Amino acid sequence: MRVVIQRVSQAKVEINGLMKAEIEKGMLVLLGIESADEKADADWLCTKLSKLRIFSDEAGQMNLDINTIGGSFLVVSQFTLHGNAKKGNRPSFIRAARPEQAIPLYNYFVKMLEELSACAVKTGEFGADMQLTLVNDGPVTLIMDTAENQ
C-alpha cells in the first residue's frame, strides 16, 4: 500500500458536483492499493497514521497526533499511486490491485483507521471520478509505502 498524506486545514471531495465528504483540520490520505497488498499492510499503515505526530504544538514543533488536535481523516482511493511511467508516455497501472481485491482492502483500511485512531474517518467513493479541494497546512506532505517501511 502506498499513501500520500497531506496535513490539511480543510479538505473536501465532490462527485458530479455534489459534496461527498468534507473535513476541517486533519489528514487527507490518498490510498493506493497494489496486487501484493494484504490486511497486514493496512494494519501497519493505520497504526502509523493514527500515531503520526505531524501537527504543531504551541512551540510550532510537529509533536501532536491527529487525536490530540481533534482532527479527522479524509481517505480517498487513488490507484494511480501505483502507476509506472518509466517506459513510454502512458503510465502502466499493472501493479494496482483490481477492484475485487482493492475494494475489500480499502473498506478494511477505513474501518481499522477509525478503530485505531478514534477519529472521524470520511471517504471518497471507490472508483468514482472525484474532485478534491484542499488547503495543505504547512505545507506538510508525506509519502509512505508498506513495501519500503516494514
N, C-alpha and C. Protein backbone atom coordinates (compact mmCIF):
# COMPACT_ATOMS: atom_id res chain seq x y z
N MET A 1 0.85 -1.17 0.00
CA MET A 1 0.00 0.00 0.00
C MET A 1 0.88 1.22 0.00
N ARG A 2 0.44 2.18 -0.73
CA ARG A 2 1.16 3.44 -0.81
C ARG A 2 0.17 4.55 -0.48
N VAL A 3 0.61 5.49 0.36
CA VAL A 3 -0.23 6.63 0.70
C VAL A 3 0.53 7.93 0.51
N VAL A 4 -0.20 8.93 0.11
CA VAL A 4 0.27 10.31 0.17
C VAL A 4 -0.58 10.96 1.25
N ILE A 5 0.10 11.50 2.26
CA ILE A 5 -0.58 12.09 3.40
C ILE A 5 -0.35 13.59 3.36
N GLN A 6 -1.41 14.34 3.45
CA GLN A 6 -1.29 15.79 3.50
C GLN A 6 -1.96 16.31 4.75
N ARG A 7 -1.21 17.11 5.52
CA ARG A 7 -1.80 17.78 6.67
C ARG A 7 -2.62 18.94 6.12
N VAL A 8 -3.89 18.96 6.47
CA VAL A 8 -4.79 19.95 5.89
C VAL A 8 -5.51 20.75 6.96
N SER A 9 -5.84 21.99 6.61
CA SER A 9 -6.72 22.78 7.47
C SER A 9 -8.16 22.59 7.00
N GLN A 10 -8.33 22.11 5.78
CA GLN A 10 -9.64 21.69 5.27
C GLN A 10 -9.44 20.90 3.99
N ALA A 11 -10.36 19.99 3.73
CA ALA A 11 -10.34 19.20 2.50
C ALA A 11 -11.75 18.71 2.23
N LYS A 12 -12.06 18.59 0.95
CA LYS A 12 -13.37 18.06 0.57
C LYS A 12 -13.25 17.29 -0.73
N VAL A 13 -14.19 16.37 -0.91
CA VAL A 13 -14.26 15.59 -2.14
C VAL A 13 -15.67 15.73 -2.70
N GLU A 14 -15.74 16.01 -3.99
CA GLU A 14 -17.02 16.13 -4.69
C GLU A 14 -17.07 15.09 -5.80
N ILE A 15 -18.29 14.61 -6.05
CA ILE A 15 -18.54 13.68 -7.14
C ILE A 15 -19.72 14.22 -7.93
N ASN A 16 -19.52 14.44 -9.23
CA ASN A 16 -20.56 15.00 -10.09
C ASN A 16 -21.13 16.30 -9.54
N GLY A 17 -20.26 17.14 -8.97
CA GLY A 17 -20.68 18.43 -8.45
C GLY A 17 -21.35 18.38 -7.09
N LEU A 18 -21.49 17.20 -6.50
CA LEU A 18 -22.13 17.06 -5.20
C LEU A 18 -21.09 16.73 -4.13
N MET A 19 -21.22 17.37 -2.97
CA MET A 19 -20.30 17.13 -1.86
C MET A 19 -20.46 15.70 -1.36
N LYS A 20 -19.37 14.95 -1.33
CA LYS A 20 -19.38 13.59 -0.80
C LYS A 20 -18.90 13.59 0.66
N ALA A 21 -17.81 14.33 0.93
CA ALA A 21 -17.27 14.38 2.28
C ALA A 21 -16.42 15.64 2.44
N GLU A 22 -16.32 16.08 3.69
CA GLU A 22 -15.55 17.28 3.98
C GLU A 22 -15.00 17.18 5.40
N ILE A 23 -13.76 17.63 5.58
CA ILE A 23 -13.16 17.70 6.91
C ILE A 23 -12.55 19.07 7.12
N GLU A 24 -12.36 19.42 8.36
CA GLU A 24 -11.58 20.60 8.71
C GLU A 24 -10.17 20.11 9.00
N LYS A 25 -9.58 20.50 10.09
CA LYS A 25 -8.20 20.14 10.42
C LYS A 25 -8.02 18.63 10.49
N GLY A 26 -7.00 18.13 9.82
CA GLY A 26 -6.74 16.69 9.84
C GLY A 26 -5.79 16.26 8.74
N MET A 27 -6.03 15.03 8.25
CA MET A 27 -5.18 14.46 7.21
C MET A 27 -6.01 14.01 6.03
N LEU A 28 -5.57 14.42 4.85
CA LEU A 28 -6.07 13.85 3.61
C LEU A 28 -5.14 12.70 3.27
N VAL A 29 -5.72 11.51 3.11
CA VAL A 29 -4.93 10.32 2.82
C VAL A 29 -5.34 9.79 1.44
N LEU A 30 -4.43 9.88 0.49
CA LEU A 30 -4.64 9.29 -0.83
C LEU A 30 -4.08 7.88 -0.76
N LEU A 31 -4.92 6.88 -0.97
CA LEU A 31 -4.56 5.48 -0.74
C LEU A 31 -4.51 4.70 -2.04
N GLY A 32 -3.34 4.15 -2.32
CA GLY A 32 -3.16 3.27 -3.48
C GLY A 32 -2.91 1.85 -3.02
N ILE A 33 -3.69 0.92 -3.55
CA ILE A 33 -3.57 -0.49 -3.18
C ILE A 33 -3.03 -1.26 -4.37
N GLU A 34 -1.98 -2.05 -4.13
CA GLU A 34 -1.42 -2.85 -5.21
C GLU A 34 -1.75 -4.32 -4.99
N SER A 35 -1.55 -5.11 -6.02
CA SER A 35 -1.98 -6.51 -6.01
C SER A 35 -1.30 -7.33 -4.93
N ALA A 36 -0.12 -6.96 -4.47
CA ALA A 36 0.58 -7.72 -3.43
C ALA A 36 0.13 -7.35 -2.02
N ASP A 37 -0.73 -6.38 -1.86
CA ASP A 37 -1.12 -5.90 -0.53
C ASP A 37 -2.08 -6.84 0.17
N GLU A 38 -1.97 -6.85 1.50
CA GLU A 38 -2.80 -7.69 2.36
C GLU A 38 -3.28 -6.86 3.55
N LYS A 39 -4.11 -7.47 4.40
CA LYS A 39 -4.61 -6.77 5.58
C LYS A 39 -3.47 -6.31 6.49
N ALA A 40 -2.39 -7.05 6.54
CA ALA A 40 -1.24 -6.67 7.37
C ALA A 40 -0.68 -5.32 6.94
N ASP A 41 -0.71 -5.02 5.64
CA ASP A 41 -0.26 -3.72 5.16
C ASP A 41 -1.17 -2.61 5.67
N ALA A 42 -2.46 -2.85 5.62
CA ALA A 42 -3.43 -1.87 6.13
C ALA A 42 -3.25 -1.66 7.63
N ASP A 43 -3.06 -2.76 8.36
CA ASP A 43 -2.86 -2.67 9.81
C ASP A 43 -1.66 -1.79 10.15
N TRP A 44 -0.55 -2.03 9.45
CA TRP A 44 0.68 -1.27 9.70
C TRP A 44 0.46 0.21 9.41
N LEU A 45 -0.12 0.51 8.25
CA LEU A 45 -0.34 1.91 7.87
C LEU A 45 -1.31 2.61 8.82
N CYS A 46 -2.38 1.96 9.17
CA CYS A 46 -3.38 2.57 10.05
C CYS A 46 -2.79 2.84 11.43
N THR A 47 -1.98 1.92 11.93
CA THR A 47 -1.30 2.14 13.21
C THR A 47 -0.39 3.34 13.12
N LYS A 48 0.37 3.40 12.03
CA LYS A 48 1.31 4.50 11.83
C LYS A 48 0.57 5.84 11.71
N LEU A 49 -0.48 5.89 10.91
CA LEU A 49 -1.22 7.13 10.71
C LEU A 49 -1.88 7.61 11.99
N SER A 50 -2.41 6.69 12.77
CA SER A 50 -3.11 7.09 13.99
C SER A 50 -2.17 7.68 15.04
N LYS A 51 -0.87 7.37 14.94
CA LYS A 51 0.10 7.87 15.91
C LYS A 51 1.05 8.92 15.33
N LEU A 52 0.93 9.19 14.05
CA LEU A 52 1.86 10.09 13.36
C LEU A 52 1.76 11.51 13.92
N ARG A 53 2.88 12.03 14.39
CA ARG A 53 2.90 13.36 15.01
C ARG A 53 3.34 14.39 13.97
N ILE A 54 2.36 14.91 13.23
CA ILE A 54 2.66 15.90 12.19
C ILE A 54 1.94 17.23 12.43
N PHE A 55 1.30 17.36 13.59
CA PHE A 55 0.59 18.59 13.91
C PHE A 55 1.40 19.39 14.93
N SER A 56 1.38 20.69 14.77
CA SER A 56 2.23 21.58 15.57
C SER A 56 1.71 21.78 16.98
N ASP A 57 2.66 21.80 17.92
CA ASP A 57 2.32 22.14 19.30
C ASP A 57 2.43 23.66 19.46
N GLU A 58 2.33 24.13 20.71
CA GLU A 58 2.37 25.58 20.96
C GLU A 58 3.71 26.20 20.59
N ALA A 59 4.76 25.40 20.50
CA ALA A 59 6.09 25.91 20.12
C ALA A 59 6.32 25.81 18.61
N GLY A 60 5.32 25.33 17.88
CA GLY A 60 5.47 25.21 16.43
C GLY A 60 6.16 23.95 15.98
N GLN A 61 6.41 23.02 16.89
CA GLN A 61 7.08 21.76 16.57
C GLN A 61 6.04 20.69 16.24
N MET A 62 6.35 19.81 15.29
CA MET A 62 5.44 18.72 14.95
C MET A 62 5.52 17.64 16.03
N ASN A 63 4.70 17.79 17.06
CA ASN A 63 4.71 16.89 18.20
C ASN A 63 3.36 16.28 18.50
N LEU A 64 2.31 16.67 17.80
CA LEU A 64 0.97 16.23 18.14
C LEU A 64 0.40 15.30 17.08
N ASP A 65 -0.35 14.29 17.55
CA ASP A 65 -1.02 13.39 16.62
C ASP A 65 -2.44 13.89 16.34
N ILE A 66 -3.11 13.24 15.43
CA ILE A 66 -4.43 13.69 14.97
C ILE A 66 -5.48 13.65 16.07
N ASN A 67 -5.39 12.67 16.95
CA ASN A 67 -6.36 12.56 18.03
C ASN A 67 -6.21 13.71 19.01
N THR A 68 -4.97 14.08 19.31
CA THR A 68 -4.69 15.16 20.26
C THR A 68 -5.26 16.49 19.78
N ILE A 69 -5.24 16.73 18.47
CA ILE A 69 -5.74 18.01 17.95
C ILE A 69 -7.22 17.95 17.58
N GLY A 70 -7.85 16.78 17.79
CA GLY A 70 -9.27 16.65 17.47
C GLY A 70 -9.55 16.68 15.98
N GLY A 71 -8.63 16.14 15.20
CA GLY A 71 -8.74 16.17 13.74
C GLY A 71 -9.52 14.99 13.18
N SER A 72 -9.66 15.02 11.86
CA SER A 72 -10.36 13.97 11.11
C SER A 72 -9.50 13.52 9.94
N PHE A 73 -9.85 12.36 9.42
CA PHE A 73 -9.23 11.84 8.21
C PHE A 73 -10.19 11.93 7.05
N LEU A 74 -9.67 12.19 5.87
CA LEU A 74 -10.40 12.03 4.62
C LEU A 74 -9.58 11.07 3.78
N VAL A 75 -10.12 9.87 3.54
CA VAL A 75 -9.41 8.82 2.81
C VAL A 75 -10.01 8.72 1.41
N VAL A 76 -9.16 8.83 0.41
CA VAL A 76 -9.58 8.79 -0.99
C VAL A 76 -8.75 7.74 -1.72
N SER A 77 -9.42 6.80 -2.36
CA SER A 77 -8.70 5.77 -3.12
C SER A 77 -8.06 6.41 -4.35
N GLN A 78 -6.84 5.97 -4.66
CA GLN A 78 -6.13 6.52 -5.81
C GLN A 78 -5.19 5.48 -6.40
N PHE A 79 -5.73 4.68 -7.33
CA PHE A 79 -4.94 3.61 -7.94
C PHE A 79 -3.75 4.16 -8.71
N THR A 80 -3.80 5.42 -9.13
CA THR A 80 -2.69 5.98 -9.91
C THR A 80 -1.41 6.12 -9.11
N LEU A 81 -1.47 5.95 -7.78
CA LEU A 81 -0.25 5.97 -6.98
C LEU A 81 0.67 4.81 -7.34
N HIS A 82 0.12 3.78 -7.98
CA HIS A 82 0.94 2.64 -8.40
C HIS A 82 1.21 2.68 -9.91
N GLY A 83 1.03 3.83 -10.49
CA GLY A 83 1.34 3.99 -11.91
C GLY A 83 2.84 4.02 -12.15
N ASN A 84 3.27 3.44 -13.25
CA ASN A 84 4.67 3.41 -13.62
C ASN A 84 4.80 4.09 -14.98
N ALA A 85 5.53 5.20 -15.00
CA ALA A 85 5.69 5.96 -16.24
C ALA A 85 7.15 5.93 -16.72
N LYS A 86 7.90 4.92 -16.34
CA LYS A 86 9.30 4.84 -16.74
C LYS A 86 9.47 4.60 -18.23
N LYS A 87 8.58 3.79 -18.81
CA LYS A 87 8.67 3.49 -20.24
C LYS A 87 7.54 4.22 -20.97
N GLY A 88 7.85 4.77 -22.12
CA GLY A 88 6.84 5.41 -22.93
C GLY A 88 6.25 6.65 -22.28
N ASN A 89 5.12 7.09 -22.80
CA ASN A 89 4.48 8.31 -22.33
C ASN A 89 3.14 8.08 -21.67
N ARG A 90 2.73 6.83 -21.61
CA ARG A 90 1.45 6.50 -20.98
C ARG A 90 1.74 5.59 -19.78
N PRO A 91 1.31 5.99 -18.58
CA PRO A 91 1.61 5.17 -17.40
C PRO A 91 0.96 3.80 -17.47
N SER A 92 1.64 2.84 -16.87
CA SER A 92 1.11 1.49 -16.72
C SER A 92 0.62 1.33 -15.28
N PHE A 93 -0.54 0.73 -15.13
CA PHE A 93 -1.11 0.53 -13.80
C PHE A 93 -1.20 -0.95 -13.45
N ILE A 94 -0.30 -1.74 -14.00
CA ILE A 94 -0.35 -3.19 -13.83
C ILE A 94 -0.18 -3.62 -12.36
N ARG A 95 0.52 -2.82 -11.55
CA ARG A 95 0.71 -3.16 -10.14
C ARG A 95 -0.50 -2.83 -9.28
N ALA A 96 -1.37 -1.96 -9.75
CA ALA A 96 -2.55 -1.58 -8.97
C ALA A 96 -3.49 -2.78 -8.85
N ALA A 97 -4.05 -2.95 -7.66
CA ALA A 97 -4.96 -4.07 -7.41
C ALA A 97 -6.25 -3.89 -8.20
N ARG A 98 -6.80 -5.00 -8.65
CA ARG A 98 -8.09 -5.00 -9.33
C ARG A 98 -9.19 -4.69 -8.30
N PRO A 99 -10.31 -4.14 -8.71
CA PRO A 99 -11.37 -3.76 -7.77
C PRO A 99 -11.83 -4.88 -6.84
N GLU A 100 -11.88 -6.12 -7.34
CA GLU A 100 -12.35 -7.22 -6.47
C GLU A 100 -11.42 -7.46 -5.29
N GLN A 101 -10.16 -7.08 -5.40
CA GLN A 101 -9.22 -7.17 -4.29
C GLN A 101 -9.14 -5.83 -3.55
N ALA A 102 -9.12 -4.75 -4.30
CA ALA A 102 -8.88 -3.43 -3.71
C ALA A 102 -10.05 -2.93 -2.86
N ILE A 103 -11.27 -3.15 -3.29
CA ILE A 103 -12.43 -2.63 -2.54
C ILE A 103 -12.50 -3.20 -1.12
N PRO A 104 -12.40 -4.52 -0.94
CA PRO A 104 -12.41 -5.03 0.44
C PRO A 104 -11.25 -4.50 1.29
N LEU A 105 -10.06 -4.35 0.70
CA LEU A 105 -8.92 -3.81 1.44
C LEU A 105 -9.12 -2.34 1.78
N TYR A 106 -9.69 -1.59 0.85
CA TYR A 106 -10.00 -0.17 1.09
C TYR A 106 -10.98 -0.05 2.25
N ASN A 107 -12.04 -0.85 2.24
CA ASN A 107 -13.03 -0.81 3.32
C ASN A 107 -12.42 -1.23 4.65
N TYR A 108 -11.57 -2.24 4.61
CA TYR A 108 -10.87 -2.69 5.81
C TYR A 108 -9.98 -1.58 6.36
N PHE A 109 -9.25 -0.92 5.47
CA PHE A 109 -8.36 0.18 5.85
C PHE A 109 -9.15 1.27 6.59
N VAL A 110 -10.27 1.67 6.02
CA VAL A 110 -11.10 2.72 6.62
C VAL A 110 -11.59 2.29 8.01
N LYS A 111 -12.07 1.06 8.11
CA LYS A 111 -12.57 0.53 9.39
C LYS A 111 -11.45 0.50 10.44
N MET A 112 -10.27 0.02 10.07
CA MET A 112 -9.16 -0.06 11.00
C MET A 112 -8.67 1.33 11.42
N LEU A 113 -8.66 2.27 10.49
CA LEU A 113 -8.23 3.63 10.82
C LEU A 113 -9.18 4.26 11.83
N GLU A 114 -10.48 4.03 11.67
CA GLU A 114 -11.46 4.52 12.64
C GLU A 114 -11.21 3.91 14.01
N GLU A 115 -11.00 2.61 14.05
CA GLU A 115 -10.81 1.91 15.32
C GLU A 115 -9.52 2.33 16.02
N LEU A 116 -8.43 2.40 15.27
CA LEU A 116 -7.14 2.68 15.88
C LEU A 116 -6.95 4.15 16.26
N SER A 117 -7.54 5.04 15.50
CA SER A 117 -7.33 6.47 15.76
C SER A 117 -8.38 7.07 16.67
N ALA A 118 -9.56 6.46 16.74
CA ALA A 118 -10.70 7.02 17.48
C ALA A 118 -11.08 8.40 16.93
N CYS A 119 -10.80 8.62 15.64
CA CYS A 119 -11.14 9.88 14.98
C CYS A 119 -12.19 9.61 13.90
N ALA A 120 -12.86 10.68 13.48
CA ALA A 120 -13.77 10.57 12.35
C ALA A 120 -12.96 10.28 11.10
N VAL A 121 -13.46 9.32 10.30
CA VAL A 121 -12.82 8.98 9.03
C VAL A 121 -13.89 9.10 7.95
N LYS A 122 -13.69 10.07 7.07
CA LYS A 122 -14.62 10.26 5.95
C LYS A 122 -13.93 9.77 4.69
N THR A 123 -14.73 9.48 3.67
CA THR A 123 -14.16 8.86 2.47
C THR A 123 -14.71 9.48 1.19
N GLY A 124 -13.97 9.22 0.14
CA GLY A 124 -14.48 9.45 -1.20
C GLY A 124 -15.30 8.23 -1.58
N GLU A 125 -15.40 7.96 -2.87
CA GLU A 125 -16.13 6.78 -3.35
C GLU A 125 -15.20 6.00 -4.26
N PHE A 126 -14.94 4.77 -3.90
CA PHE A 126 -14.00 3.95 -4.65
C PHE A 126 -14.40 3.89 -6.12
N GLY A 127 -13.46 4.18 -7.00
CA GLY A 127 -13.67 4.08 -8.44
C GLY A 127 -14.37 5.25 -9.09
N ALA A 128 -14.82 6.22 -8.30
CA ALA A 128 -15.54 7.37 -8.86
C ALA A 128 -14.56 8.40 -9.39
N ASP A 129 -15.05 9.23 -10.30
CA ASP A 129 -14.30 10.40 -10.77
C ASP A 129 -14.55 11.49 -9.75
N MET A 130 -13.55 11.79 -8.93
CA MET A 130 -13.70 12.70 -7.81
C MET A 130 -12.89 13.97 -8.02
N GLN A 131 -13.39 15.06 -7.47
CA GLN A 131 -12.67 16.31 -7.46
C GLN A 131 -12.35 16.64 -6.01
N LEU A 132 -11.05 16.83 -5.74
CA LEU A 132 -10.59 17.15 -4.40
C LEU A 132 -10.22 18.62 -4.31
N THR A 133 -10.60 19.21 -3.20
CA THR A 133 -10.18 20.56 -2.88
C THR A 133 -9.57 20.51 -1.49
N LEU A 134 -8.39 21.10 -1.33
CA LEU A 134 -7.74 21.05 -0.03
C LEU A 134 -6.90 22.28 0.20
N VAL A 135 -6.68 22.56 1.47
CA VAL A 135 -5.72 23.56 1.89
C VAL A 135 -4.66 22.80 2.68
N ASN A 136 -3.50 22.64 2.04
CA ASN A 136 -2.39 21.92 2.66
C ASN A 136 -1.79 22.84 3.71
N ASP A 137 -1.78 22.40 4.95
CA ASP A 137 -1.32 23.19 6.08
C ASP A 137 0.16 22.97 6.28
N GLY A 138 0.95 23.98 6.02
CA GLY A 138 2.40 23.90 6.23
C GLY A 138 3.19 24.47 5.07
N PRO A 139 3.25 23.82 3.96
CA PRO A 139 2.64 22.54 3.60
C PRO A 139 3.39 21.36 4.22
N VAL A 140 2.63 20.35 4.58
CA VAL A 140 3.18 19.10 5.07
C VAL A 140 2.61 17.98 4.21
N THR A 141 3.48 17.27 3.51
CA THR A 141 3.10 16.14 2.66
C THR A 141 4.11 15.03 2.86
N LEU A 142 3.61 13.83 3.12
CA LEU A 142 4.47 12.66 3.30
C LEU A 142 4.01 11.54 2.39
N ILE A 143 4.96 10.70 1.99
CA ILE A 143 4.65 9.52 1.19
C ILE A 143 5.13 8.31 1.99
N MET A 144 4.26 7.33 2.12
CA MET A 144 4.62 6.09 2.81
C MET A 144 4.22 4.92 1.94
N ASP A 145 5.05 3.89 1.97
CA ASP A 145 4.79 2.67 1.20
C ASP A 145 5.11 1.48 2.09
N THR A 146 4.15 0.60 2.27
CA THR A 146 4.38 -0.54 3.17
C THR A 146 5.51 -1.43 2.67
N ALA A 147 5.73 -1.48 1.37
CA ALA A 147 6.82 -2.31 0.83
C ALA A 147 8.17 -1.80 1.26
N GLU A 148 8.27 -0.51 1.54
CA GLU A 148 9.55 0.11 1.92
C GLU A 148 9.69 0.33 3.42
N ASN A 149 8.58 0.33 4.16
CA ASN A 149 8.61 0.77 5.54
C ASN A 149 8.48 -0.34 6.57
N GLN A 150 8.20 -1.55 6.18
CA GLN A 150 8.04 -2.59 7.19
C GLN A 150 9.33 -3.32 7.45
